Structure formats: C-alpha cells, structure tokens
C-alpha cells in the first residue's frame, strides 16, 4: 500500500470537490485542519504513551467533512459511507478504513449536552484540530459566513441562547449567529481532548471573548 500516493490522491480529490466553497467548510478549512492535526500530533508524541498513526490522522483530516450533515439533510452517516467508498477504491486496508470512518462519523459537535467522545488518540487529535478551526478569528469569520448562508440574523436581543439536549434538537434549531457563540463556539475550549489542543484553544477563546465584548459595546452604541 503506497501511503504517500493515497494521501496525495485523497488530497487532490477533496481539493477538487471543495475548492471555492464559501461557507467556511471548504478546501482551506480542510487544509487548516490537516496542518493543525499534524501540529498537535507532533506535540502529543511527548505526552502520549500511545503510538500515533499519522496515516490515519492525515486521511481522517482530509475526509472529515467529505459529506457534512449540515449540507446533506441532517444525515450524519453519509460522510463515513463516502469516506469508505473512496478509501476502498484506493486499496486501503480494512483496519485503517474502520479507524478513519469512526473519526468521520463522530467528529461533529452535536449540541451542548451531547457527548461526541473519540475512542482513539488519532480521533482525539483530528477532532481537536477541527474544533480549533471553529474558534478564534477564523471561527468568528466562519460563523458569520455560515450564518449568512442559513439566513440567520446576526443578533436579536429578544432571542436567547439555548443548550440543546439532543443532536436532533441541535440540527433543527435555528438561532442567531451571536447566539451560536454561546450554544457551540464558546463551549469548545473545554471540549478539547489533548493537552496541546487545550493550550492552543485558551488563546483563541480569549480572542472571541474580546470580540463579543466589543460587539455588544458597539451594539448598544457605547463604543
């Protein structure tokens, strides 16, 4: 099995499929998740007694959004199915395919009280990298890009944030983009799996808190 060839072919397939996507879930998001996954993996080698499979990490990072439920009528199983089909086409062994599909299936945030725990160190790393791209300056930009796609108000003081108790409730809920910070984005810091992820998330979280403080000052005309 030529791992370098498989990674290259997968990367090319994903780039062609997602290049130009404008909601923050496109090729550049996937590339950032890939880079962050490798960065976290490198640092976690020092912290973990487990062997870290970089082949699984790279493919899972590239395929984690191959068919996001948000763009597929809420179907959270289609991503892992498409990932499996592609990897089987490339001749990847079943053990590796299963590990990658498990990550793809469980990577997404599923609501404030819903657990999306990863079982493997590879899954924890890729999930942290994906969550990292949802916070900080990039996370703010992506939130408003996606909010515009879904015709969400930027802010409505009469609409209060909620904490969804199930994945179904989370998928069906329609709120404002500012509320989305309190319903998801600000929760991610405490949901990081790895020591490295937690450390990086701290700074990005502080940046978002500063942004929201400035936002509300301007909203009220105080600044």
C-alpha atoms as a PDB file:
ATOM      1  CA  UNK A   1       0.000   0.000   0.000  1.00  0.00           C
ATOM      2  CA  UNK A   2       1.581   3.251  -1.169  1.00  0.00           C
ATOM      3  CA  UNK A   3       0.610   5.607   1.647  1.00  0.00           C
ATOM      4  CA  UNK A   4       2.068   8.737   0.078  1.00  0.00           C
ATOM      5  CA  UNK A   5       0.171   8.077  -3.153  1.00  0.00           C
ATOM      6  CA  UNK A   6      -3.105   7.504  -1.273  1.00  0.00           C
ATOM      7  CA  UNK A   7      -2.718  10.718   0.715  1.00  0.00           C
ATOM      8  CA  UNK A   8      -1.876  12.670  -2.442  1.00  0.00           C
ATOM      9  CA  UNK A   9      -4.853  11.239  -4.349  1.00  0.00           C
ATOM     10  CA  UNK A  10      -7.213  11.852  -1.438  1.00  0.00           C
ATOM     11  CA  UNK A  11      -5.972  15.417  -1.100  1.00  0.00           C
ATOM     12  CA  UNK A  12      -6.480  16.039  -4.806  1.00  0.00           C
ATOM     13  CA  UNK A  13      -9.993  14.583  -4.703  1.00  0.00           C
ATOM     14  CA  UNK A  14     -11.001  16.719  -1.708  1.00  0.00           C
ATOM     15  CA  UNK A  15      -9.441  19.862  -3.150  1.00  0.00           C
ATOM     16  CA  UNK A  16     -11.346  19.457  -6.413  1.00  0.00           C
ATOM     17  CA  UNK A  17     -14.567  18.741  -4.532  1.00  0.00           C
ATOM     18  CA  UNK A  18     -14.420  21.651  -2.090  1.00  0.00           C
ATOM     19  CA  UNK A  19     -12.316  24.404  -3.669  1.00  0.00           C
ATOM     20  CA  UNK A  20     -14.277  27.664  -3.866  1.00  0.00           C
ATOM     21  CA  UNK A  21     -16.801  26.667  -1.175  1.00  0.00           C
ATOM     22  CA  UNK A  22     -17.827  29.889   0.590  1.00  0.00           C
ATOM     23  CA  UNK A  23     -19.394  28.921   3.938  1.00  0.00           C
ATOM     24  CA  UNK A  24     -16.179  28.134   5.807  1.00  0.00           C
ATOM     25  CA  UNK A  25     -16.404  24.365   5.250  1.00  0.00           C
ATOM     26  CA  UNK A  26     -14.345  24.232   2.069  1.00  0.00           C
ATOM     27  CA  UNK A  27     -10.846  23.273   0.970  1.00  0.00           C
ATOM     28  CA  UNK A  28      -8.994  25.852   3.051  1.00  0.00           C
ATOM     29  CA  UNK A  29     -10.816  24.729   6.199  1.00  0.00           C
ATOM     30  CA  UNK A  30      -9.842  21.134   5.462  1.00  0.00           C
ATOM     31  CA  UNK A  31      -6.232  22.121   4.785  1.00  0.00           C
ATOM     32  CA  UNK A  32      -6.069  24.021   8.089  1.00  0.00           C
ATOM     33  CA  UNK A  33      -7.471  21.013   9.940  1.00  0.00           C
ATOM     34  CA  UNK A  34      -4.839  18.813   8.300  1.00  0.00           C
ATOM     35  CA  UNK A  35      -1.999  21.153   9.292  1.00  0.00           C
ATOM     36  CA  UNK A  36      -3.294  21.571  12.839  1.00  0.00           C
ATOM     37  CA  UNK A  37      -3.767  17.802  13.198  1.00  0.00           C
ATOM     38  CA  UNK A  38      -0.125  17.209  12.316  1.00  0.00           C
ATOM     39  CA  UNK A  39       0.982  20.005  14.652  1.00  0.00           C
ATOM     40  CA  UNK A  40      -0.978  18.537  17.561  1.00  0.00           C
ATOM     41  CA  UNK A  41       0.231  15.009  16.746  1.00  0.00           C
ATOM     42  CA  UNK A  42       3.855  16.132  16.799  1.00  0.00           C
ATOM     43  CA  UNK A  43       3.474  17.736  20.227  1.00  0.00           C
ATOM     44  CA  UNK A  44       1.360  14.900  21.625  1.00  0.00           C
ATOM     45  CA  UNK A  45       4.096  12.367  20.901  1.00  0.00           C
ATOM     46  CA  UNK A  46       5.754  13.722  24.030  1.00  0.00           C
ATOM     47  CA  UNK A  47       2.571  13.477  26.133  1.00  0.00           C
ATOM     48  CA  UNK A  48       1.166  10.161  24.945  1.00  0.00           C
ATOM     49  CA  UNK A  49       2.309   6.604  25.593  1.00  0.00           C
ATOM     50  CA  UNK A  50       0.196   5.508  22.621  1.00  0.00           C
ATOM     51  CA  UNK A  51       1.632   5.135  19.136  1.00  0.00           C
ATOM     52  CA  UNK A  52       0.137   7.785  16.862  1.00  0.00           C
ATOM     53  CA  UNK A  53      -0.745   6.710  13.314  1.00  0.00           C
ATOM     54  CA  UNK A  54      -0.059   9.713  11.080  1.00  0.00           C
ATOM     55  CA  UNK A  55      -1.525   7.930   8.048  1.00  0.00           C
ATOM     56  CA  UNK A  56      -4.906   7.663   9.806  1.00  0.00           C
ATOM     57  CA  UNK A  57      -4.651  11.251  11.013  1.00  0.00           C
ATOM     58  CA  UNK A  58      -3.911  12.686   7.578  1.00  0.00           C
ATOM     59  CA  UNK A  59      -6.680  10.776   5.818  1.00  0.00           C
ATOM     60  CA  UNK A  60      -9.214  11.453   8.576  1.00  0.00           C
ATOM     61  CA  UNK A  61      -8.388  15.175   8.493  1.00  0.00           C
ATOM     62  CA  UNK A  62      -8.783  15.266   4.715  1.00  0.00           C
ATOM     63  CA  UNK A  63     -12.054  13.315   4.773  1.00  0.00           C
ATOM     64  CA  UNK A  64     -13.673  14.639   7.953  1.00  0.00           C
ATOM     65  CA  UNK A  65     -16.037  16.952   6.036  1.00  0.00           C
ATOM     66  CA  UNK A  66     -16.465  14.879   2.869  1.00  0.00           C
ATOM     67  CA  UNK A  67     -20.242  14.981   3.410  1.00  0.00           C
ATOM     68  CA  UNK A  68     -21.077  17.195   6.392  1.00  0.00           C
ATOM     69  CA  UNK A  69     -24.582  16.535   7.775  1.00  0.00           C
ATOM     70  CA  UNK A  70     -25.295  20.289   7.643  1.00  0.00           C
ATOM     71  CA  UNK A  71     -25.286  20.097   3.847  1.00  0.00           C
ATOM     72  CA  UNK A  72     -26.881  16.670   3.497  1.00  0.00           C
ATOM     73  CA  UNK A  73     -30.352  17.000   5.019  1.00  0.00           C
ATOM     74  CA  UNK A  74     -29.074  16.241   8.507  1.00  0.00           C
ATOM     75  CA  UNK A  75     -27.754  12.774   7.557  1.00  0.00           C
ATOM     76  CA  UNK A  76     -24.782  12.171   9.859  1.00  0.00           C
ATOM     77  CA  UNK A  77     -23.954   8.747   8.368  1.00  0.00           C
ATOM     78  CA  UNK A  78     -23.288   9.745   4.767  1.00  0.00           C
ATOM     79  CA  UNK A  79     -19.801  11.104   5.464  1.00  0.00           C
ATOM     80  CA  UNK A  80     -18.380   7.834   6.748  1.00  0.00           C
ATOM     81  CA  UNK A  81     -20.042   5.951   3.887  1.00  0.00           C
ATOM     82  CA  UNK A  82     -18.456   8.188   1.259  1.00  0.00           C
ATOM     83  CA  UNK A  83     -15.092   8.036   3.025  1.00  0.00           C
ATOM     84  CA  UNK A  84     -15.238   4.235   2.999  1.00  0.00           C
ATOM     85  CA  UNK A  85     -16.071   4.092  -0.705  1.00  0.00           C
ATOM     86  CA  UNK A  86     -13.142   6.342  -1.585  1.00  0.00           C
ATOM     87  CA  UNK A  87     -10.646   4.520   0.631  1.00  0.00           C
ATOM     88  CA  UNK A  88     -11.724   1.117  -0.678  1.00  0.00           C
ATOM     89  CA  UNK A  89     -11.181   2.428  -4.203  1.00  0.00           C
ATOM     90  CA  UNK A  90      -7.623   3.380  -3.213  1.00  0.00           C
ATOM     91  CA  UNK A  91      -6.992  -0.079  -1.746  1.00  0.00           C
ATOM     92  CA  UNK A  92      -6.683   0.958   1.910  1.00  0.00           C
ATOM     93  CA  UNK A  93      -6.815  -1.939   4.398  1.00  0.00           C
ATOM     94  CA  UNK A  94      -9.977  -2.547   6.414  1.00  0.00           C
ATOM     95  CA  UNK A  95      -8.434  -1.756   9.806  1.00  0.00           C
ATOM     96  CA  UNK A  96      -7.359   1.686   8.614  1.00  0.00           C
ATOM     97  CA  UNK A  97     -10.677   2.339   6.867  1.00  0.00           C
ATOM     98  CA  UNK A  98     -12.636   1.471  10.012  1.00  0.00           C
ATOM     99  CA  UNK A  99     -10.478   3.782  12.131  1.00  0.00           C
ATOM    100  CA  UNK A 100     -10.935   6.685   9.704  1.00  0.00           C
ATOM    101  CA  UNK A 101     -14.672   6.148   9.269  1.00  0.00           C
ATOM    102  CA  UNK A 102     -15.134   6.087  13.050  1.00  0.00           C
ATOM    103  CA  UNK A 103     -13.491   9.515  13.219  1.00  0.00           C
ATOM    104  CA  UNK A 104     -15.510  10.934  10.322  1.00  0.00           C
ATOM    105  CA  UNK A 105     -18.750   9.658  11.842  1.00  0.00           C
ATOM    106  CA  UNK A 106     -18.177  11.092  15.322  1.00  0.00           C
ATOM    107  CA  UNK A 107     -16.174  14.266  14.736  1.00  0.00           C
ATOM    108  CA  UNK A 108     -19.021  16.772  14.655  1.00  0.00           C
ATOM    109  CA  UNK A 109     -20.310  18.836  17.563  1.00  0.00           C
ATOM    110  CA  UNK A 110     -23.799  17.531  18.383  1.00  0.00           C
ATOM    111  CA  UNK A 111     -25.222  20.044  20.829  1.00  0.00           C
ATOM    112  CA  UNK A 112     -24.347  21.470  24.206  1.00  0.00           C
ATOM    113  CA  UNK A 113     -25.071  18.393  26.352  1.00  0.00           C
ATOM    114  CA  UNK A 114     -24.379  15.691  23.740  1.00  0.00           C
ATOM    115  CA  UNK A 115     -21.131  13.739  24.051  1.00  0.00           C
ATOM    116  CA  UNK A 116     -19.058  13.186  20.873  1.00  0.00           C
ATOM    117  CA  UNK A 117     -16.171  11.371  22.523  1.00  0.00           C
ATOM    118  CA  UNK A 118     -13.431   9.879  20.376  1.00  0.00           C
ATOM    119  CA  UNK A 119     -12.046   6.453  21.286  1.00  0.00           C
ATOM    120  CA  UNK A 120      -8.597   6.734  19.695  1.00  0.00           C
ATOM    121  CA  UNK A 121      -5.717   9.180  20.020  1.00  0.00           C
ATOM    122  CA  UNK A 122      -5.969   9.821  16.266  1.00  0.00           C
ATOM    123  CA  UNK A 123      -9.646  10.705  16.620  1.00  0.00           C
ATOM    124  CA  UNK A 124      -8.967  12.996  19.557  1.00  0.00           C
ATOM    125  CA  UNK A 125      -6.269  14.834  17.601  1.00  0.00           C
ATOM    126  CA  UNK A 126      -8.330  15.373  14.449  1.00  0.00           C
ATOM    127  CA  UNK A 127     -11.386  16.381  16.466  1.00  0.00           C
ATOM    128  CA  UNK A 128      -9.313  18.957  18.348  1.00  0.00           C
ATOM    129  CA  UNK A 129      -7.954  20.325  15.066  1.00  0.00           C
ATOM    130  CA  UNK A 130     -11.455  20.617  13.618  1.00  0.00           C
ATOM    131  CA  UNK A 131     -12.738  22.317  16.759  1.00  0.00           C
ATOM    132  CA  UNK A 132      -9.763  24.665  16.709  1.00  0.00           C
ATOM    133  CA  UNK A 133     -10.887  25.951  13.320  1.00  0.00           C
ATOM    134  CA  UNK A 134     -14.274  26.836  14.814  1.00  0.00           C
ATOM    135  CA  UNK A 135     -12.806  29.217  17.401  1.00  0.00           C
ATOM    136  CA  UNK A 136     -10.594  32.305  17.376  1.00  0.00           C
ATOM    137  CA  UNK A 137     -10.500  34.756  14.462  1.00  0.00           C
ATOM    138  CA  UNK A 138     -11.092  32.028  11.875  1.00  0.00           C
ATOM    139  CA  UNK A 139     -14.004  30.670  13.891  1.00  0.00           C
ATOM    140  CA  UNK A 140     -15.627  34.101  14.040  1.00  0.00           C
ATOM    141  CA  UNK A 141     -15.316  34.527  10.278  1.00  0.00           C
ATOM    142  CA  UNK A 142     -16.711  31.048   9.614  1.00  0.00           C
ATOM    143  CA  UNK A 143     -19.643  31.586  11.969  1.00  0.00           C
ATOM    144  CA  UNK A 144     -20.857  34.664  10.116  1.00  0.00           C
ATOM    145  CA  UNK A 145     -20.239  33.100   6.692  1.00  0.00           C
ATOM    146  CA  UNK A 146     -22.380  30.104   7.614  1.00  0.00           C
ATOM    147  CA  UNK A 147     -24.986  32.290   9.334  1.00  0.00           C
ATOM    148  CA  UNK A 148     -25.421  34.257   6.127  1.00  0.00           C
ATOM    149  CA  UNK A 149     -25.948  31.051   4.152  1.00  0.00           C
ATOM    150  CA  UNK A 150     -28.686  29.977   6.564  1.00  0.00           C
ATOM    151  CA  UNK A 151     -30.379  33.415   6.602  1.00  0.00           C
ATOM    152  CA  UNK A 152     -29.669  33.810  10.300  1.00  0.00           C
ATOM    153  CA  UNK A 153     -29.883  37.207  11.953  1.00  0.00           C
ATOM    154  CA  UNK A 154     -26.559  38.499  13.206  1.00  0.00           C
ATOM    155  CA  UNK A 155     -28.092  39.298  16.596  1.00  0.00           C
ATOM    156  CA  UNK A 156     -31.528  39.637  18.096  1.00  0.00           C
ATOM    157  CA  UNK A 157     -31.670  40.676  21.781  1.00  0.00           C
ATOM    158  CA  UNK A 158     -35.118  39.101  22.064  1.00  0.00           C
ATOM    159  CA  UNK A 159     -33.728  35.647  21.197  1.00  0.00           C
ATOM    160  CA  UNK A 160     -31.757  33.996  23.993  1.00  0.00           C
ATOM    161  CA  UNK A 161     -29.218  31.188  23.553  1.00  0.00           C
ATOM    162  CA  UNK A 162     -30.336  27.658  24.397  1.00  0.00           C
ATOM    163  CA  UNK A 163     -28.450  24.486  25.310  1.00  0.00           C
ATOM    164  CA  UNK A 164     -29.649  21.682  23.057  1.00  0.00           C
ATOM    165  CA  UNK A 165     -30.179  18.365  24.847  1.00  0.00           C
ATOM    166  CA  UNK A 166     -30.081  16.119  21.779  1.00  0.00           C
ATOM    167  CA  UNK A 167     -28.447  16.003  18.367  1.00  0.00           C
ATOM    168  CA  UNK A 168     -31.885  16.157  16.729  1.00  0.00           C
ATOM    169  CA  UNK A 169     -32.723  19.329  18.628  1.00  0.00           C
ATOM    170  CA  UNK A 170     -29.359  20.844  17.691  1.00  0.00           C
ATOM    171  CA  UNK A 171     -29.808  20.028  13.984  1.00  0.00           C
ATOM    172  CA  UNK A 172     -33.287  21.543  13.856  1.00  0.00           C
ATOM    173  CA  UNK A 173     -32.661  24.651  15.960  1.00  0.00           C
ATOM    174  CA  UNK A 174     -32.487  27.989  14.115  1.00  0.00           C
ATOM    175  CA  UNK A 175     -30.990  30.834  16.108  1.00  0.00           C
ATOM    176  CA  UNK A 176     -28.847  33.906  15.552  1.00  0.00           C
ATOM    177  CA  UNK A 177     -25.139  33.868  14.768  1.00  0.00           C
ATOM    178  CA  UNK A 178     -24.266  35.613  18.033  1.00  0.00           C
ATOM    179  CA  UNK A 179     -26.286  33.019  19.941  1.00  0.00           C
ATOM    180  CA  UNK A 180     -24.264  30.346  18.129  1.00  0.00           C
ATOM    181  CA  UNK A 181     -21.204  31.510  20.044  1.00  0.00           C
ATOM    182  CA  UNK A 182     -22.918  30.633  23.331  1.00  0.00           C
ATOM    183  CA  UNK A 183     -24.574  27.480  22.017  1.00  0.00           C
ATOM    184  CA  UNK A 184     -21.409  25.990  20.490  1.00  0.00           C
ATOM    185  CA  UNK A 185     -18.290  28.025  19.851  1.00  0.00           C
ATOM    186  CA  UNK A 186     -17.543  29.188  23.402  1.00  0.00           C
ATOM    187  CA  UNK A 187     -18.086  25.631  24.656  1.00  0.00           C
ATOM    188  CA  UNK A 188     -15.323  24.129  22.525  1.00  0.00           C
ATOM    189  CA  UNK A 189     -12.381  25.203  24.684  1.00  0.00           C
ATOM    190  CA  UNK A 190     -13.491  22.849  27.437  1.00  0.00           C
ATOM    191  CA  UNK A 191     -14.178  20.031  24.983  1.00  0.00           C
ATOM    192  CA  UNK A 192     -10.622  19.732  23.668  1.00  0.00           C
ATOM    193  CA  UNK A 193      -9.186  16.245  24.100  1.00  0.00           C
ATOM    194  CA  UNK A 194      -5.434  16.752  24.101  1.00  0.00           C
ATOM    195  CA  UNK A 195      -3.060  18.799  26.234  1.00  0.00           C
ATOM    196  CA  UNK A 196      -1.857  20.601  23.114  1.00  0.00           C
ATOM    197  CA  UNK A 197      -5.411  21.319  21.975  1.00  0.00           C
ATOM    198  CA  UNK A 198      -6.334  22.753  25.361  1.00  0.00           C
ATOM    199  CA  UNK A 199      -3.304  25.058  25.366  1.00  0.00           C
ATOM    200  CA  UNK A 200      -3.910  26.464  21.871  1.00  0.00           C
ATOM    201  CA  UNK A 201      -7.646  26.830  22.492  1.00  0.00           C
ATOM    202  CA  UNK A 202      -7.084  29.083  25.515  1.00  0.00           C
ATOM    203  CA  UNK A 203      -5.726  31.961  23.420  1.00  0.00           C
ATOM    204  CA  UNK A 204      -8.317  31.619  20.696  1.00  0.00           C
ATOM    205  CA  UNK A 205     -11.083  31.541  23.298  1.00  0.00           C
ATOM    206  CA  UNK A 206      -9.828  34.779  24.862  1.00  0.00           C
ATOM    207  CA  UNK A 207      -9.846  36.426  21.440  1.00  0.00           C
ATOM    208  CA  UNK A 208     -13.508  35.517  20.971  1.00  0.00           C
ATOM    209  CA  UNK A 209     -14.427  36.854  24.385  1.00  0.00           C
ATOM    210  CA  UNK A 210     -12.784  40.159  23.457  1.00  0.00           C
ATOM    211  CA  UNK A 211     -14.665  40.230  20.161  1.00  0.00           C
ATOM    212  CA  UNK A 212     -18.021  39.650  21.839  1.00  0.00           C
ATOM    213  CA  UNK A 213     -17.348  42.315  24.434  1.00  0.00           C
ATOM    214  CA  UNK A 214     -16.596  44.828  21.666  1.00  0.00           C
ATOM    215  CA  UNK A 215     -19.619  43.641  19.659  1.00  0.00           C
ATOM    216  CA  UNK A 216     -22.071  44.301  22.476  1.00  0.00           C
ATOM    217  CA  UNK A 217     -20.499  47.675  23.277  1.00  0.00           C
ATOM    218  CA  UNK A 218     -20.975  48.721  19.666  1.00  0.00           C
ATOM    219  CA  UNK A 219     -24.474  47.203  19.546  1.00  0.00           C
ATOM    220  CA  UNK A 220     -25.527  49.365  22.461  1.00  0.00           C
ATOM    221  CA  UNK A 221     -23.753  52.421  20.993  1.00  0.00           C
ATOM    222  CA  UNK A 222     -21.345  52.650  23.931  1.00  0.00           C
ATOM    223  CA  UNK A 223     -18.194  52.399  21.872  1.00  0.00           C
END
